[in-house]
Amino acid sequence: MTEPTLHADRLLVLLRQIVGTPHVLVAPHATARYTRGYRFGAGKVRAVVRPRTLVEFWRVAELCVAADQILIVQAANTGLTGGSTPDGETYDRPVILVSTRRLRGVHLLGGGRQAICLPGTTLHKLETVLARHGREPHSVIGSSCIGASVLGGISNNSGGALVQRGPAYTEMALFARVTPDRRLELVNHLGVVLDPDPVRALERLERGAFSAGEIHWPDAQGHDSTYIDHVRAIDAQTPARFNQDERRWFEASGCAGKLIVFAVRVDSFPAEKESRVFYVGTSGTGTLEDLRRHLLTAYDEVPIAGEYMHRDAFRIAEAYGRDTVALIRYAGTRNIPRLFAAKAWLDDLCRRIPLLPEHLTDRVLQLIGRFLPHQIPEKMRVFETRFAHHLILRVSSRIAAQVEADLGAILDGEAGDWFACTQEEGTRAFLHRFAAAGAALRYRAVNGKTSGPIVALDIALRRNDRSWFETLPDALDGKIIEKLYYGHFLCHVLHQDYILKPGISAEETEHEMLALLDARGARYPAEHNLGHIYTADAAMADHYRDLDPCNCLNPGIGKTTKRKNWKAEGV
């Protein structure tokens, strides 16, 4: 038996002693759900480790750093760019993936004004805990339904649909960094007095064993309090929010896995108990842009949310997301993470049975969806036939009357139309918009023989960009079967999914599209991790090097080098 094999075996023995044998996964079928991304990315690992406590997490990280292993820390694996999964097999050291799903916990501070979240805490769990105190987390739509984690959002500066709150951000965190001489160092910027010894500190934090006197209320930010003014600057030549914006990098915030984060402290917000939803339709891009500018500047406060869908996205979401809307309506958001986890388990099982067709669960769900009644109101379906562009607008009761009057003036019948939603209609409208996010994947899964790959872009347009709707050159447009445009319109953030024709290269097509976006002054990604799709600019690459000088945590992110100590590829 060779020395490398002995070393590998010894490492696995030690990992099993820390977390228990059932929680060190090595077989490909056992690791698949962790090593394959939700939409993109896959690779091999030496092991997947699932610690149960923060102390176990620390000891696993300490062991892996000492053994010169690459460490990829994964929260919920709901990302879209492969940023928390291995990228192929081109690493110069073995990869250990640590799943933090079992590390759940929330400690409320100041009656719920702030919350300390452990690594596996989902947005949905935080939303549920805060609701008892009449408060909300940073994000309450979309991600919370599929089990995304609070820490994942912070690490990736994730965006969200709520206009007033901006990207996920905090300056208060407890994290470990790897020093240049490859030691693990615990850094406490959480605003809570903890022991200097890492094991005792983590054990106390997990139990919430700290007194009111040990909780400090520093000047540090628990969210981006400047975002409202930023998004209201509608004549600025830069986007409102995008991942590579240096203003929102701070230790754990924007670290993209280059730090080992044990806890973050975030602000919560008073729940909006009374709000109104308006549904807007127009075929004029200029009309919708005029409305966006008005909504952001005409009132004492900005709207709560403004979600955009193009007619084609509406149509594809109705055809390929009907079961998703029905599932959320009837099962409730509380059960959705479990159901998505069950689907992932079934998908893994089906892949291991050669006789079963690809994407069997998606095919079954699609078949069920065909027999379901329409999940969206008749009024919305009528608007789909009348208008190319749709906006779902939620505002507080404080400005609802003003907004209603202004909609009547701006949308005069020729420019467009609108209606005030009942509570049920508003809920269904937002669920339909949420279903659009997965519609391209379902389309591809069901129509794999007649469609090619998907190019999914997440872009931030300039705040002063009036020509916001994309027009592709004929040659590029001819490569595409379906285009799905949807997004957070008031922030000028768009998600653009392209289902390509069979045989078309996704990589080449994406490069063509990114060149067009560069010419328009757009930035990308807007609210997702760079993952292994987007290229980090020089400033972000330097940021990653500062956080992780040995390049042993999530190497290769942003298409940077995967090599130890940031050596150039091939050196």
Protein backbone atom coordinates (compact mmCIF):
# COMPACT_ATOMS: atom_id res chain seq x y z
CA MET A 1 0.00 0.00 0.00
CA THR A 2 1.47 3.34 -1.04
CA GLU A 3 2.08 6.27 1.30
CA PRO A 4 -0.59 8.50 -0.31
CA THR A 5 -3.15 5.73 0.25
CA LEU A 6 -2.09 5.36 3.88
CA HIS A 7 -2.34 9.10 4.33
CA ALA A 8 -5.82 9.18 2.79
CA ASP A 9 -7.02 6.28 4.90
CA ARG A 10 -5.67 7.85 8.07
CA LEU A 11 -7.39 11.14 7.28
CA LEU A 12 -10.74 9.41 6.79
CA VAL A 13 -10.30 7.54 10.08
CA LEU A 14 -9.69 10.81 11.91
CA LEU A 15 -12.66 12.49 10.25
CA ARG A 16 -14.90 9.58 11.27
CA GLN A 17 -13.67 9.90 14.84
CA ILE A 18 -14.76 13.56 14.84
CA VAL A 19 -18.22 13.34 13.24
CA GLY A 20 -19.07 9.62 13.26
CA THR A 21 -18.77 7.09 10.45
CA PRO A 22 -22.28 7.69 8.95
CA HIS A 23 -21.37 11.33 8.35
CA VAL A 24 -18.21 10.79 6.30
CA LEU A 25 -19.44 9.95 2.81
CA VAL A 26 -17.06 8.59 0.20
CA ALA A 27 -19.09 6.46 -2.24
CA PRO A 28 -20.02 8.37 -5.44
CA HIS A 29 -23.74 7.63 -5.03
CA ALA A 30 -23.61 9.00 -1.46
CA THR A 31 -21.72 12.18 -2.35
CA ALA A 32 -23.62 12.97 -5.58
CA ARG A 33 -26.27 15.23 -4.03
CA TYR A 34 -23.48 17.39 -2.57
CA THR A 35 -21.05 17.39 -5.49
CA ARG A 36 -23.57 18.24 -8.22
CA GLY A 37 -24.88 21.81 -8.33
CA TYR A 38 -28.55 22.78 -8.37
CA ARG A 39 -28.20 24.11 -11.92
CA PHE A 40 -24.50 23.96 -12.78
CA GLY A 41 -21.26 22.34 -11.71
CA ALA A 42 -20.04 18.92 -10.64
CA GLY A 43 -16.83 17.26 -9.57
CA LYS A 44 -15.21 14.63 -7.40
CA VAL A 45 -14.22 14.83 -3.73
CA ARG A 46 -12.26 12.62 -1.40
CA ALA A 47 -15.12 12.81 1.10
CA VAL A 48 -18.22 14.73 2.13
CA VAL A 49 -18.23 15.46 5.87
CA ARG A 50 -21.37 16.43 7.80
CA PRO A 51 -20.55 17.85 11.26
CA ARG A 52 -23.30 18.07 13.87
CA THR A 53 -21.82 20.81 16.07
CA LEU A 54 -19.72 23.92 15.55
CA VAL A 55 -16.92 22.28 17.52
CA GLU A 56 -16.96 19.32 15.14
CA PHE A 57 -16.91 21.78 12.25
CA TRP A 58 -13.85 23.53 13.73
CA ARG A 59 -12.02 20.25 14.30
CA VAL A 60 -12.76 19.02 10.78
CA ALA A 61 -11.50 22.29 9.29
CA GLU A 62 -8.41 22.28 11.50
CA LEU A 63 -7.58 18.70 10.49
CA CYS A 64 -8.09 19.32 6.78
CA VAL A 65 -5.98 22.48 6.77
CA ALA A 66 -3.16 20.67 8.61
CA ALA A 67 -3.39 17.77 6.13
CA ASP A 68 -3.11 20.15 3.15
CA GLN A 69 -6.57 19.32 1.84
CA ILE A 70 -8.75 21.67 -0.16
CA LEU A 71 -11.85 22.58 1.82
CA ILE A 72 -15.17 23.48 0.17
CA VAL A 73 -17.84 24.51 2.67
CA GLN A 74 -21.37 24.04 1.39
CA ALA A 75 -24.59 25.33 2.94
CA ALA A 76 -27.80 24.32 1.13
CA ASN A 77 -26.41 23.70 -2.38
CA THR A 78 -29.14 25.85 -3.92
CA GLY A 79 -26.72 28.09 -5.85
CA LEU A 80 -26.96 28.47 -9.60
CA THR A 81 -23.31 28.94 -10.61
CA GLY A 82 -21.53 25.96 -9.04
CA GLY A 83 -19.91 28.14 -6.38
CA SER A 84 -20.24 25.60 -3.56
CA THR A 85 -19.47 22.40 -5.46
CA PRO A 86 -16.20 21.07 -6.84
CA ASP A 87 -15.38 22.02 -10.42
CA GLY A 88 -14.30 18.94 -12.31
CA GLU A 89 -11.14 17.14 -11.26
CA THR A 90 -8.43 19.71 -12.03
CA TYR A 91 -7.26 20.33 -8.45
CA ASP A 92 -3.68 19.93 -7.23
CA ARG A 93 -4.80 18.62 -3.80
CA PRO A 94 -7.59 16.33 -2.59
CA VAL A 95 -10.95 18.00 -1.96
CA ILE A 96 -12.98 17.63 1.23
CA LEU A 97 -16.49 19.04 1.06
CA VAL A 98 -18.08 20.02 4.38
CA SER A 99 -21.87 20.18 4.39
CA THR A 100 -23.25 22.49 7.11
CA ARG A 101 -26.90 21.45 6.77
CA ARG A 102 -26.95 19.90 10.25
CA LEU A 103 -25.57 23.06 11.92
CA ARG A 104 -28.86 24.83 12.45
CA GLY A 105 -29.69 27.40 15.06
CA VAL A 106 -31.00 30.95 15.54
CA HIS A 107 -30.41 33.21 18.55
CA LEU A 108 -32.56 36.35 18.63
CA LEU A 109 -31.15 39.55 20.10
CA GLY A 110 -33.02 42.62 21.29
CA GLY A 111 -36.45 41.03 21.01
CA GLY A 112 -35.78 39.94 17.44
CA ARG A 113 -34.22 43.20 16.24
CA GLN A 114 -31.20 41.15 15.23
CA ALA A 115 -30.48 37.45 14.87
CA ILE A 116 -27.38 35.29 15.10
CA CYS A 117 -27.60 32.49 12.54
CA LEU A 118 -25.51 29.31 12.47
CA PRO A 119 -24.27 27.90 9.13
CA GLY A 120 -27.19 25.58 8.33
CA THR A 121 -29.96 28.01 9.21
CA THR A 122 -32.31 28.48 6.26
CA LEU A 123 -34.02 31.69 5.31
CA HIS A 124 -37.32 29.93 5.79
CA LYS A 125 -36.42 28.96 9.37
CA LEU A 126 -35.32 32.50 10.18
CA GLU A 127 -38.50 33.86 8.62
CA THR A 128 -40.60 31.50 10.79
CA VAL A 129 -38.75 32.42 14.01
CA LEU A 130 -38.95 36.17 13.36
CA ALA A 131 -42.65 36.02 12.42
CA ARG A 132 -43.48 35.33 16.07
CA HIS A 133 -42.05 38.75 16.87
CA GLY A 134 -43.71 40.57 13.98
CA ARG A 135 -40.48 40.85 12.04
CA GLU A 136 -38.92 39.60 8.79
CA PRO A 137 -35.45 38.66 7.54
CA HIS A 138 -33.66 40.21 4.59
CA SER A 139 -35.36 37.93 2.06
CA VAL A 140 -38.85 36.45 2.24
CA ILE A 141 -39.50 35.34 -1.34
CA GLY A 142 -38.07 32.75 -3.69
CA SER A 143 -34.95 31.43 -1.97
CA SER A 144 -36.76 30.75 1.30
CA CYS A 145 -38.99 28.26 -0.50
CA ILE A 146 -36.20 25.93 -1.57
CA GLY A 147 -34.10 25.93 1.58
CA ALA A 148 -31.37 28.47 0.82
CA SER A 149 -29.27 29.37 3.85
CA VAL A 150 -28.73 32.73 5.55
CA LEU A 151 -24.95 32.29 5.48
CA GLY A 152 -24.96 31.37 1.81
CA GLY A 153 -26.69 34.65 1.03
CA ILE A 154 -24.22 36.65 3.10
CA SER A 155 -21.18 34.87 1.64
CA ASN A 156 -22.38 35.58 -1.90
CA ASN A 157 -23.88 39.06 -1.44
CA SER A 158 -27.10 37.54 -2.75
CA GLY A 159 -29.79 39.94 -3.82
CA GLY A 160 -33.46 39.29 -3.36
CA ALA A 161 -36.74 40.79 -4.43
CA LEU A 162 -37.23 43.34 -1.64
CA VAL A 163 -36.29 46.75 -3.01
CA GLN A 164 -35.77 48.45 0.34
CA ARG A 165 -33.18 45.98 1.69
CA GLY A 166 -30.60 45.48 -1.02
CA PRO A 167 -28.10 42.61 -1.11
CA ALA A 168 -27.51 40.37 1.90
CA TYR A 169 -24.80 42.02 4.00
CA THR A 170 -23.43 42.20 7.52
CA GLU A 171 -20.26 43.38 9.22
CA MET A 172 -20.78 41.10 12.23
CA ALA A 173 -19.58 37.52 11.93
CA LEU A 174 -17.62 34.76 13.63
CA PHE A 175 -15.27 33.09 11.17
CA ALA A 176 -12.00 31.25 10.76
CA ARG A 177 -9.33 32.17 8.26
CA VAL A 178 -6.30 30.22 7.14
CA THR A 179 -3.09 32.13 7.77
CA PRO A 180 -0.19 32.22 5.26
CA ASP A 181 1.62 29.63 7.39
CA ARG A 182 -1.47 27.39 7.15
CA ARG A 183 -2.95 27.72 10.60
CA LEU A 184 -6.63 28.08 11.40
CA GLU A 185 -7.38 31.32 13.24
CA LEU A 186 -10.78 32.16 14.79
CA VAL A 187 -11.91 35.78 14.41
CA ASN A 188 -14.77 37.09 16.54
CA HIS A 189 -16.45 40.18 15.08
CA LEU A 190 -19.89 39.03 16.15
CA GLY A 191 -20.38 41.65 18.85
CA VAL A 192 -20.68 38.94 21.51
CA VAL A 193 -18.07 38.29 24.19
CA LEU A 194 -16.75 34.75 23.73
CA ASP A 195 -13.85 32.74 25.13
CA PRO A 196 -10.47 33.12 23.41
CA ASP A 197 -10.27 29.33 23.13
CA PRO A 198 -12.03 28.36 19.86
CA VAL A 199 -13.60 25.16 21.20
CA ARG A 200 -15.11 26.83 24.27
CA ALA A 201 -16.20 29.84 22.20
CA LEU A 202 -18.00 27.75 19.60
CA GLU A 203 -19.62 25.50 22.18
CA ARG A 204 -21.03 28.49 24.09
CA LEU A 205 -22.21 30.22 20.95
CA GLU A 206 -24.07 27.16 19.73
CA ARG A 207 -25.92 26.85 23.05
CA GLY A 208 -26.60 30.59 23.17
CA ALA A 209 -24.91 30.61 26.57
CA PHE A 210 -24.15 34.31 26.73
CA SER A 211 -25.73 36.94 28.93
CA ALA A 212 -27.26 40.28 27.94
CA GLY A 213 -24.14 41.97 29.29
CA GLU A 214 -21.98 40.00 26.86
CA ILE A 215 -23.94 41.23 23.85
CA HIS A 216 -22.56 44.48 22.48
CA TRP A 217 -24.42 46.75 20.09
CA PRO A 218 -21.63 48.06 17.89
CA ASP A 219 -21.85 50.61 15.09
CA ALA A 220 -21.25 47.77 12.63
CA GLN A 221 -23.96 47.28 10.02
CA GLY A 222 -26.28 44.27 9.97
CA HIS A 223 -27.59 45.16 6.51
CA ASP A 224 -26.82 47.68 3.77
CA SER A 225 -28.59 50.71 5.21
CA THR A 226 -27.54 52.90 2.26
CA TYR A 227 -29.23 50.83 -0.43
CA ILE A 228 -32.49 52.81 -0.63
CA ASP A 229 -30.62 56.01 -1.50
CA HIS A 230 -28.43 54.03 -3.89
CA VAL A 231 -31.28 52.50 -5.88
CA ARG A 232 -33.07 55.86 -5.99
CA ALA A 233 -30.14 57.41 -7.86
CA ILE A 234 -31.85 56.67 -11.17
CA ASP A 235 -29.47 58.79 -13.26
CA ALA A 236 -26.31 57.03 -12.09
CA GLN A 237 -24.29 55.27 -14.78
CA THR A 238 -23.57 52.20 -12.66
CA PRO A 239 -25.86 49.35 -11.56
CA ALA A 240 -27.59 49.43 -8.17
CA ARG A 241 -26.25 46.07 -7.07
CA PHE A 242 -23.91 43.45 -8.42
CA ASN A 243 -21.64 40.80 -6.93
CA GLN A 244 -18.34 42.50 -7.76
CA ASP A 245 -19.27 45.79 -6.10
CA GLU A 246 -16.43 46.53 -3.64
CA ARG A 247 -18.75 48.56 -1.40
CA ARG A 248 -20.36 45.34 -0.15
CA TRP A 249 -17.29 43.25 0.61
CA PHE A 250 -16.60 42.92 4.30
CA GLU A 251 -15.04 39.77 5.77
CA ALA A 252 -17.84 37.17 5.68
CA SER A 253 -19.94 39.33 3.33
CA GLY A 254 -18.87 38.48 -0.18
CA CYS A 255 -16.26 35.95 0.95
CA ALA A 256 -17.58 33.28 -1.48
CA GLY A 257 -16.28 30.47 0.70
CA LYS A 258 -12.79 31.91 1.15
CA LEU A 259 -13.45 32.07 4.90
CA ILE A 260 -14.96 29.42 7.18
CA VAL A 261 -18.00 31.18 8.62
CA PHE A 262 -19.50 29.82 11.86
CA ALA A 263 -22.15 32.49 12.49
CA VAL A 264 -23.42 35.81 11.20
CA ARG A 265 -25.41 38.51 12.96
CA VAL A 266 -28.02 40.18 10.78
CA ASP A 267 -30.71 42.80 11.13
CA SER A 268 -34.41 42.02 10.90
CA PHE A 269 -37.18 44.31 9.74
CA PRO A 270 -40.74 45.11 10.89
CA ALA A 271 -43.18 42.90 9.01
CA GLU A 272 -45.36 44.79 6.56
CA LYS A 273 -48.78 43.77 7.84
CA GLU A 274 -50.81 45.64 5.26
CA SER A 275 -49.72 45.95 1.66
CA ARG A 276 -51.33 46.19 -1.76
CA VAL A 277 -50.38 44.39 -4.97
CA PHE A 278 -50.94 45.88 -8.41
CA TYR A 279 -50.54 43.98 -11.66
CA VAL A 280 -49.26 46.06 -14.58
CA GLY A 281 -49.12 45.23 -18.28
CA THR A 282 -47.62 47.19 -21.17
CA SER A 283 -46.05 46.53 -24.54
CA GLY A 284 -43.87 49.62 -24.35
CA THR A 285 -40.45 49.28 -22.75
CA GLY A 286 -40.25 53.07 -22.44
CA THR A 287 -43.54 53.13 -20.52
CA LEU A 288 -42.30 50.55 -18.04
CA GLU A 289 -39.01 52.41 -17.59
CA ASP A 290 -40.86 55.69 -16.99
CA LEU A 291 -42.95 53.90 -14.36
CA ARG A 292 -39.82 52.46 -12.70
CA ARG A 293 -38.23 55.88 -12.39
CA HIS A 294 -41.43 57.37 -11.03
CA LEU A 295 -41.95 54.63 -8.45
CA LEU A 296 -38.43 55.07 -7.10
CA THR A 297 -38.52 58.87 -6.76
CA ALA A 298 -42.11 60.12 -6.34
CA TYR A 299 -42.93 58.92 -2.82
CA ASP A 300 -41.63 59.12 0.71
CA GLU A 301 -40.74 55.43 0.52
CA VAL A 302 -39.91 53.02 -2.27
CA PRO A 303 -42.15 50.05 -3.12
CA ILE A 304 -41.65 46.77 -1.29
CA ALA A 305 -41.10 44.75 -4.47
CA GLY A 306 -41.40 45.11 -8.23
CA GLU A 307 -41.06 41.80 -10.09
CA TYR A 308 -40.86 41.71 -13.87
CA MET A 309 -41.84 38.96 -16.33
CA HIS A 310 -41.79 39.01 -20.10
CA ARG A 311 -44.71 37.39 -21.89
CA ASP A 312 -42.55 34.44 -22.98
CA ALA A 313 -41.40 33.78 -19.43
CA PHE A 314 -45.04 34.02 -18.32
CA ARG A 315 -46.02 31.45 -20.94
CA ILE A 316 -43.21 29.00 -20.17
CA ALA A 317 -43.78 29.33 -16.41
CA GLU A 318 -47.47 28.54 -16.90
CA ALA A 319 -46.65 25.48 -18.99
CA TYR A 320 -43.67 24.18 -17.00
CA GLY A 321 -44.17 25.57 -13.52
CA ARG A 322 -47.83 24.97 -12.82
CA ASP A 323 -47.10 22.07 -10.47
CA THR A 324 -44.56 24.23 -8.59
CA VAL A 325 -47.16 26.92 -7.91
CA ALA A 326 -49.72 24.29 -6.87
CA LEU A 327 -47.21 22.60 -4.58
CA ILE A 328 -46.41 25.81 -2.74
CA ARG A 329 -50.07 26.81 -2.52
CA TYR A 330 -51.30 23.53 -1.08
CA ALA A 331 -48.24 22.18 0.77
CA GLY A 332 -47.15 25.55 2.17
CA THR A 333 -43.63 26.99 2.23
CA ARG A 334 -42.91 25.18 5.48
CA ASN A 335 -42.87 21.79 3.71
CA ILE A 336 -41.22 22.85 0.45
CA PRO A 337 -37.59 22.35 1.60
CA ARG A 338 -38.41 18.76 2.62
CA LEU A 339 -40.15 18.08 -0.67
CA PHE A 340 -37.24 19.49 -2.69
CA ALA A 341 -34.85 17.35 -0.63
CA ALA A 342 -37.00 14.29 -1.34
CA LYS A 343 -36.95 15.09 -5.06
CA ALA A 344 -33.14 15.42 -4.98
CA TRP A 345 -32.92 12.03 -3.25
CA LEU A 346 -35.17 10.44 -5.87
CA ASP A 347 -33.17 12.04 -8.68
CA ASP A 348 -29.98 10.53 -7.27
CA LEU A 349 -31.65 7.13 -6.95
CA CYS A 350 -32.97 7.22 -10.52
CA ARG A 351 -29.53 8.10 -11.91
CA ARG A 352 -28.18 4.85 -10.47
CA ILE A 353 -30.80 2.71 -12.24
CA PRO A 354 -29.73 2.43 -15.90
CA LEU A 355 -33.13 1.44 -17.28
CA LEU A 356 -34.90 4.56 -15.99
CA PRO A 357 -35.11 7.60 -18.30
CA GLU A 358 -33.27 10.79 -17.48
CA HIS A 359 -35.07 13.39 -15.35
CA LEU A 360 -37.81 10.95 -14.37
CA THR A 361 -39.12 13.01 -11.46
CA ASP A 362 -39.39 16.13 -13.64
CA ARG A 363 -41.26 14.16 -16.28
CA VAL A 364 -43.71 12.79 -13.70
CA LEU A 365 -44.29 16.22 -12.17
CA GLN A 366 -44.78 17.74 -15.60
CA LEU A 367 -47.37 15.09 -16.41
CA ILE A 368 -49.20 15.86 -13.16
CA GLY A 369 -49.09 19.56 -13.98
CA ARG A 370 -50.94 19.02 -17.24
CA PHE A 371 -53.98 17.76 -15.36
CA LEU A 372 -53.98 20.57 -12.80
CA PRO A 373 -56.26 23.59 -13.24
CA HIS A 374 -54.71 26.96 -14.04
CA GLN A 375 -52.93 28.29 -10.97
CA ILE A 376 -52.92 31.93 -12.02
CA PRO A 377 -55.97 34.20 -12.15
CA GLU A 378 -57.93 34.73 -15.34
CA LYS A 379 -57.08 38.46 -15.24
CA MET A 380 -53.37 37.68 -15.52
CA ARG A 381 -53.90 35.27 -18.39
CA VAL A 382 -55.83 37.96 -20.26
CA PHE A 383 -52.94 40.38 -19.71
CA GLU A 384 -50.56 37.79 -21.17
CA THR A 385 -52.46 37.95 -24.46
CA ARG A 386 -52.57 41.75 -24.41
CA PHE A 387 -49.11 42.82 -23.24
CA ALA A 388 -45.48 41.78 -23.70
CA HIS A 389 -44.21 43.14 -20.37
CA HIS A 390 -45.63 42.45 -16.93
CA LEU A 391 -44.82 44.04 -13.56
CA ILE A 392 -46.05 42.73 -10.20
CA LEU A 393 -45.88 45.64 -7.77
CA ARG A 394 -46.21 45.42 -3.99
CA VAL A 395 -46.42 48.64 -1.97
CA SER A 396 -47.22 49.50 1.63
CA SER A 397 -50.64 50.77 2.61
CA ARG A 398 -49.02 54.15 3.33
CA ILE A 399 -48.46 54.92 -0.37
CA ALA A 400 -51.00 52.57 -1.97
CA ALA A 401 -53.54 55.30 -2.74
CA GLN A 402 -50.90 57.50 -4.37
CA VAL A 403 -49.56 54.63 -6.44
CA GLU A 404 -53.05 53.64 -7.56
CA ALA A 405 -53.79 57.19 -8.72
CA ASP A 406 -50.47 57.46 -10.56
CA LEU A 407 -50.96 54.11 -12.31
CA GLY A 408 -54.22 55.43 -13.68
CA ALA A 409 -52.48 58.52 -15.01
CA ILE A 410 -49.34 56.85 -16.44
CA LEU A 411 -51.13 53.84 -17.96
CA ASP A 412 -53.86 55.60 -19.88
CA GLY A 413 -55.18 52.64 -21.85
CA GLU A 414 -52.89 52.99 -24.84
CA ALA A 415 -49.67 52.86 -22.85
CA GLY A 416 -50.84 49.86 -20.84
CA ASP A 417 -53.26 48.70 -18.19
CA TRP A 418 -53.30 47.55 -14.58
CA PHE A 419 -55.54 46.13 -11.90
CA ALA A 420 -55.47 45.97 -8.11
CA CYS A 421 -55.08 42.40 -6.89
CA THR A 422 -57.02 40.75 -4.15
CA GLN A 423 -54.84 39.13 -1.50
CA GLU A 424 -55.18 35.73 -3.20
CA GLU A 425 -54.47 37.16 -6.67
CA GLY A 426 -51.36 38.92 -5.37
CA THR A 427 -50.08 35.72 -3.77
CA ARG A 428 -50.58 33.75 -6.95
CA ALA A 429 -48.93 36.44 -9.08
CA PHE A 430 -45.74 36.31 -7.03
CA LEU A 431 -45.78 32.51 -6.97
CA HIS A 432 -46.05 32.49 -10.75
CA ARG A 433 -43.03 34.79 -10.96
CA PHE A 434 -41.14 32.45 -8.61
CA ALA A 435 -42.00 29.46 -10.82
CA ALA A 436 -40.38 31.21 -13.79
CA ALA A 437 -36.97 30.75 -12.14
CA GLY A 438 -37.10 26.98 -12.63
CA ALA A 439 -39.15 26.84 -15.82
CA ALA A 440 -36.17 26.65 -18.20
CA LEU A 441 -34.73 23.70 -16.30
CA ARG A 442 -38.05 21.86 -16.46
CA TYR A 443 -38.40 22.64 -20.18
CA ARG A 444 -34.93 21.23 -20.85
CA ALA A 445 -35.56 18.15 -18.69
CA VAL A 446 -38.81 17.31 -20.48
CA ASN A 447 -37.73 18.25 -24.02
CA GLY A 448 -34.14 17.04 -23.90
CA LYS A 449 -34.24 15.43 -27.34
CA THR A 450 -35.42 18.58 -29.12
CA SER A 451 -33.57 21.25 -27.16
CA GLY A 452 -29.97 22.04 -26.41
CA PRO A 453 -28.24 23.41 -23.31
CA ILE A 454 -29.32 26.41 -21.23
CA VAL A 455 -27.44 29.67 -20.88
CA ALA A 456 -28.55 31.41 -17.69
CA LEU A 457 -27.41 34.99 -17.11
CA ASP A 458 -27.89 37.13 -14.03
CA ILE A 459 -27.23 40.74 -14.94
CA ALA A 460 -27.34 44.20 -13.41
CA LEU A 461 -28.15 47.08 -15.75
CA ARG A 462 -27.05 50.66 -15.26
CA ARG A 463 -29.50 52.66 -13.15
CA ASN A 464 -29.88 55.21 -15.95
CA ASP A 465 -30.28 52.64 -18.74
CA ARG A 466 -33.52 53.40 -20.56
CA SER A 467 -32.87 50.77 -23.24
CA TRP A 468 -33.15 47.96 -20.73
CA PHE A 469 -34.79 45.32 -22.90
CA GLU A 470 -32.40 43.19 -24.92
CA THR A 471 -32.37 42.96 -28.72
CA LEU A 472 -30.08 40.22 -29.98
CA PRO A 473 -28.37 40.15 -33.39
CA ASP A 474 -30.15 37.85 -35.83
CA ALA A 475 -27.27 35.36 -35.93
CA LEU A 476 -27.28 34.99 -32.16
CA ASP A 477 -31.06 34.99 -31.89
CA GLY A 478 -31.18 32.16 -34.42
CA LYS A 479 -29.39 29.84 -31.98
CA ILE A 480 -32.18 30.08 -29.41
CA ILE A 481 -35.45 28.21 -29.01
CA GLU A 482 -36.85 30.15 -26.06
CA LYS A 483 -35.82 33.31 -24.19
CA LEU A 484 -37.05 33.83 -20.64
CA TYR A 485 -36.67 37.33 -19.20
CA TYR A 486 -37.67 38.00 -15.59
CA GLY A 487 -36.19 39.79 -12.61
CA HIS A 488 -36.22 42.50 -9.96
CA PHE A 489 -37.16 45.39 -12.20
CA LEU A 490 -36.96 48.33 -9.81
CA CYS A 491 -33.34 47.40 -9.06
CA HIS A 492 -32.69 46.86 -12.80
CA VAL A 493 -31.66 43.27 -12.15
CA LEU A 494 -32.68 40.76 -14.81
CA HIS A 495 -32.42 36.99 -15.03
CA GLN A 496 -32.16 35.90 -18.65
CA ASP A 497 -32.46 32.20 -19.47
CA TYR A 498 -31.88 31.00 -23.01
CA ILE A 499 -32.82 27.51 -24.17
CA LEU A 500 -30.54 26.80 -27.10
CA LYS A 501 -31.12 24.67 -30.16
CA PRO A 502 -29.55 21.18 -30.18
CA GLY A 503 -25.87 21.18 -31.05
CA ILE A 504 -25.28 24.84 -30.11
CA SER A 505 -22.35 25.48 -27.76
CA ALA A 506 -23.49 27.07 -24.50
CA GLU A 507 -20.00 28.38 -23.77
CA GLU A 508 -19.58 30.10 -27.13
CA THR A 509 -23.09 31.54 -26.99
CA GLU A 510 -22.54 32.86 -23.49
CA HIS A 511 -19.31 34.58 -24.52
CA GLU A 512 -21.15 36.33 -27.34
CA MET A 513 -23.86 37.50 -24.96
CA LEU A 514 -21.44 38.71 -22.31
CA ALA A 515 -19.63 40.79 -24.94
CA LEU A 516 -22.94 42.49 -25.76
CA LEU A 517 -23.59 43.13 -22.07
CA ASP A 518 -20.11 44.61 -21.64
CA ALA A 519 -20.84 47.04 -24.45
CA ARG A 520 -24.04 48.10 -22.64
CA GLY A 521 -22.22 48.78 -19.36
CA ALA A 522 -24.01 45.95 -17.55
CA ARG A 523 -22.36 44.00 -14.73
CA TYR A 524 -22.67 40.33 -13.94
CA PRO A 525 -23.52 38.39 -11.95
CA ALA A 526 -26.01 40.68 -10.26
CA GLU A 527 -26.90 38.67 -7.18
CA HIS A 528 -25.36 35.22 -7.41
CA ASN A 529 -21.89 33.93 -6.65
CA LEU A 530 -19.40 34.10 -9.53
CA GLY A 531 -19.05 30.35 -9.09
CA HIS A 532 -17.23 28.69 -11.95
CA ILE A 533 -19.19 30.54 -14.65
CA TYR A 534 -18.16 34.18 -14.29
CA THR A 535 -14.65 35.63 -14.22
CA ALA A 536 -13.54 37.67 -11.21
CA ASP A 537 -12.09 41.05 -12.08
CA ALA A 538 -8.70 42.08 -10.71
CA ALA A 539 -10.14 43.71 -7.58
CA MET A 540 -12.20 40.68 -6.64
CA ALA A 541 -9.32 38.28 -7.30
CA ASP A 542 -7.16 40.40 -4.96
CA HIS A 543 -9.98 40.29 -2.41
CA TYR A 544 -10.02 36.49 -2.55
CA ARG A 545 -6.23 36.35 -2.13
CA ASP A 546 -6.39 38.60 0.93
CA LEU A 547 -9.02 36.37 2.54
CA ASP A 548 -7.31 33.08 1.70
CA PRO A 549 -3.56 33.52 1.08
CA CYS A 550 -2.87 29.77 0.71
CA ASN A 551 -5.79 29.26 -1.71
CA CYS A 552 -7.00 26.22 0.19
CA LEU A 553 -10.67 27.29 0.62
CA ASN A 554 -12.91 26.94 -2.44
CA PRO A 555 -10.09 27.46 -4.96
CA GLY A 556 -10.96 28.28 -8.56
CA ILE A 557 -13.91 30.48 -7.68
CA GLY A 558 -14.41 33.22 -10.25
CA LYS A 559 -12.20 31.26 -12.65
CA THR A 560 -9.13 32.05 -10.56
CA THR A 561 -6.32 29.53 -10.25
CA LYS A 562 -7.00 26.35 -8.27
CA ARG A 563 -3.35 25.88 -7.41
CA LYS A 564 -1.84 26.11 -3.95
CA ASN A 565 -0.58 29.55 -2.87
CA TRP A 566 -2.18 31.09 -5.97
CA LYS A 567 0.42 29.76 -8.36
CA ALA A 568 -0.43 30.26 -12.00
CA GLU A 569 -1.98 27.30 -13.78
CA GLY A 570 0.64 25.06 -15.35
CA VAL A 571 3.46 26.37 -13.15
